[in-house]
Amino acid sequence: MTPALNKPLPDLEANATGGVKFTPQAFAGKIIVLYFYPKDNTPGCTTEAMQFRDQHKEFTQAGAVVFGVSRDNMASHDKFKQNLELPFELIADTEEKLCHMFGVVKNKIMYGKKVKGIERSTFLIDAKGVLRTEWRGIKVAGHVEEVLKAVQELKPTA
């Protein structure tokens, strides 16, 4: 089932670095930022991960938990996370379950060949598990700030 805007996320489960099992229920009460990226250790993905890392404190203060998602395996994620000192977990979606669920697998042209790749996308889930905002086919520049602003606007006032 595909997640729909302003609807609760369907049941899903995925394994992340640090031995974390990701389910929307496990993070109930927190705002969830799921960002999908094509591949560990590539220029755009590295820049995006570092921007989420550099703003991580602000995301945490706004009550959000950040997860990066790609088709890379856990060993690749562990290395990527360690090299960049990422303070958030990465989900290894090697079977593309989440990628297909969120509809981020797209046909791309790489070196003149058609390939299936991940469209850089981010999904914002509120503290009640409802998908509030989605960004698809994004450019890295300025994106993390835009997501942070949306998170801060969602944050329940105490």
Protein backbone atom coordinates (compact mmCIF):
# COMPACT_ATOMS: atom_id res chain seq x y z
CA MET A 1 0.00 0.00 0.00
CA THR A 2 1.35 3.42 -0.99
CA PRO A 3 1.44 6.09 1.70
CA ALA A 4 -0.93 8.98 0.92
CA LEU A 5 -0.75 12.58 2.07
CA ASN A 6 -2.73 13.33 5.24
CA LYS A 7 -3.28 9.59 5.87
CA PRO A 8 -1.57 7.36 8.48
CA LEU A 9 1.41 5.39 7.21
CA PRO A 10 0.65 1.77 6.38
CA ASP A 11 2.35 -0.88 8.52
CA LEU A 12 5.97 -1.24 7.55
CA GLU A 13 9.14 -2.55 9.04
CA ALA A 14 12.75 -2.06 8.01
CA ASN A 15 16.20 -2.68 9.43
CA ALA A 16 18.49 0.26 10.08
CA THR A 17 22.05 0.74 11.25
CA GLY A 18 22.72 0.51 14.97
CA GLY A 19 20.46 -2.57 15.21
CA VAL A 20 17.38 -0.34 14.98
CA LYS A 21 14.16 -1.82 13.65
CA PHE A 22 12.18 0.94 12.01
CA THR A 23 8.38 0.92 12.29
CA PRO A 24 6.15 4.00 12.49
CA GLN A 25 4.80 2.64 15.80
CA ALA A 26 8.29 2.48 17.30
CA PHE A 27 8.61 6.25 16.79
CA ALA A 28 5.06 7.26 17.73
CA GLY A 29 5.06 10.72 19.27
CA LYS A 30 8.05 11.81 17.19
CA ILE A 31 8.10 13.55 13.84
CA ILE A 32 9.80 11.25 11.30
CA VAL A 33 11.89 12.47 8.38
CA LEU A 34 12.48 9.68 5.84
CA TYR A 35 14.84 10.76 3.10
CA PHE A 36 15.49 8.45 0.16
CA TYR A 37 18.76 8.80 -1.71
CA PRO A 38 20.34 6.88 -4.61
CA LYS A 39 23.64 5.52 -3.22
CA ASP A 40 26.12 5.70 -0.34
CA ASN A 41 29.42 7.47 -1.04
CA THR A 42 28.29 9.35 -4.16
CA PRO A 43 28.75 13.14 -4.34
CA GLY A 44 25.12 14.31 -4.08
CA CYS A 45 24.20 11.72 -1.46
CA THR A 46 27.26 12.55 0.63
CA THR A 47 26.42 16.28 0.51
CA GLU A 48 22.80 15.60 1.47
CA ALA A 49 23.79 13.31 4.37
CA MET A 50 26.26 15.91 5.66
CA GLN A 51 23.59 18.63 5.53
CA PHE A 52 21.18 16.45 7.55
CA ARG A 53 24.10 15.74 9.93
CA ASP A 54 24.95 19.42 10.31
CA GLN A 55 21.31 20.32 11.08
CA HIS A 56 20.64 17.22 13.20
CA LYS A 57 20.57 19.11 16.51
CA GLU A 58 17.84 21.41 15.16
CA PHE A 59 15.80 18.42 13.95
CA THR A 60 16.12 16.77 17.37
CA GLN A 61 15.14 19.98 19.17
CA ALA A 62 12.05 20.14 16.94
CA GLY A 63 11.07 16.61 18.06
CA ALA A 64 12.11 14.85 14.86
CA VAL A 65 14.01 11.68 14.13
CA VAL A 66 15.83 11.43 10.76
CA PHE A 67 16.33 8.26 8.71
CA GLY A 68 18.20 7.98 5.43
CA VAL A 69 16.99 5.20 3.09
CA SER A 70 18.76 3.62 0.13
CA ARG A 71 19.14 0.21 -1.51
CA ASP A 72 22.67 -0.17 -0.13
CA ASN A 73 23.33 -3.01 2.30
CA MET A 74 24.02 -2.65 6.01
CA ALA A 75 27.83 -2.94 5.62
CA SER A 76 27.84 -0.08 3.11
CA HIS A 77 25.57 1.98 5.39
CA ASP A 78 27.74 1.32 8.45
CA LYS A 79 30.83 2.53 6.58
CA PHE A 80 29.03 5.58 5.12
CA LYS A 81 27.63 6.48 8.55
CA GLN A 82 31.02 6.06 10.23
CA ASN A 83 32.97 8.00 7.55
CA LEU A 84 30.60 10.97 7.72
CA GLU A 85 29.95 10.69 11.50
CA LEU A 86 26.20 10.66 10.88
CA PRO A 87 24.19 11.01 14.12
CA PHE A 88 21.12 9.32 12.58
CA GLU A 89 20.41 5.80 11.33
CA LEU A 90 20.33 4.57 7.73
CA ILE A 91 17.75 2.05 6.54
CA ALA A 92 19.05 -0.73 4.28
CA ASP A 93 16.24 -1.27 1.78
CA THR A 94 18.06 -3.94 -0.22
CA GLU A 95 14.80 -5.56 -1.38
CA GLU A 96 13.38 -2.13 -2.33
CA LYS A 97 10.24 -2.66 -0.22
CA LEU A 98 10.18 0.91 1.12
CA CYS A 99 11.39 2.34 -2.19
CA HIS A 100 8.46 0.75 -4.05
CA MET A 101 5.99 1.53 -1.26
CA PHE A 102 6.87 5.23 -1.44
CA GLY A 103 7.13 5.16 -5.25
CA VAL A 104 10.69 6.45 -5.49
CA VAL A 105 12.04 3.84 -7.95
CA LYS A 106 12.22 5.60 -11.32
CA ASN A 107 13.63 4.93 -14.75
CA LYS A 108 16.75 7.01 -15.23
CA ILE A 109 19.30 7.38 -18.01
CA MET A 110 22.85 6.79 -16.85
CA TYR A 111 25.70 6.85 -19.35
CA GLY A 112 23.16 6.46 -22.15
CA LYS A 113 21.56 3.34 -20.63
CA LYS A 114 18.13 3.04 -19.04
CA VAL A 115 18.45 1.98 -15.41
CA LYS A 116 16.11 1.84 -12.44
CA GLY A 117 17.27 4.22 -9.77
CA ILE A 118 16.09 6.00 -6.66
CA GLU A 119 14.59 9.44 -7.13
CA ARG A 120 15.90 11.68 -4.35
CA SER A 121 12.79 12.22 -2.18
CA THR A 122 11.89 13.14 1.39
CA PHE A 123 8.76 12.31 3.39
CA LEU A 124 7.63 14.04 6.57
CA ILE A 125 5.48 12.02 8.99
CA ASP A 126 3.91 13.77 11.96
CA ALA A 127 3.93 12.57 15.58
CA LYS A 128 0.64 10.68 15.00
CA GLY A 129 2.11 8.69 12.09
CA VAL A 130 0.37 10.70 9.35
CA LEU A 131 2.24 11.58 6.14
CA ARG A 132 2.17 15.39 6.06
CA THR A 133 4.55 16.49 3.31
CA GLU A 134 6.51 14.91 0.48
CA TRP A 135 9.27 16.29 -1.68
CA ARG A 136 10.06 14.34 -4.86
CA GLY A 137 12.85 14.68 -7.39
CA ILE A 138 14.57 17.24 -5.21
CA LYS A 139 17.84 19.08 -5.61
CA VAL A 140 20.20 18.89 -2.62
CA ALA A 141 20.87 22.65 -2.35
CA GLY A 142 18.58 24.22 0.24
CA HIS A 143 16.49 21.09 0.69
CA VAL A 144 17.48 20.22 4.28
CA GLU A 145 16.64 23.76 5.43
CA GLU A 146 13.22 23.45 3.77
CA VAL A 147 12.56 20.13 5.54
CA LEU A 148 13.68 21.57 8.89
CA LYS A 149 11.32 24.53 8.46
CA ALA A 150 8.43 22.13 7.77
CA VAL A 151 9.36 20.06 10.85
CA GLN A 152 9.44 23.17 13.03
CA GLU A 153 6.01 24.20 11.74
CA LEU A 154 4.66 20.74 12.67
CA LYS A 155 6.13 20.74 16.16
CA PRO A 156 3.32 20.76 18.72
CA THR A 157 3.41 23.83 20.91
CA ALA A 158 3.83 23.04 24.57
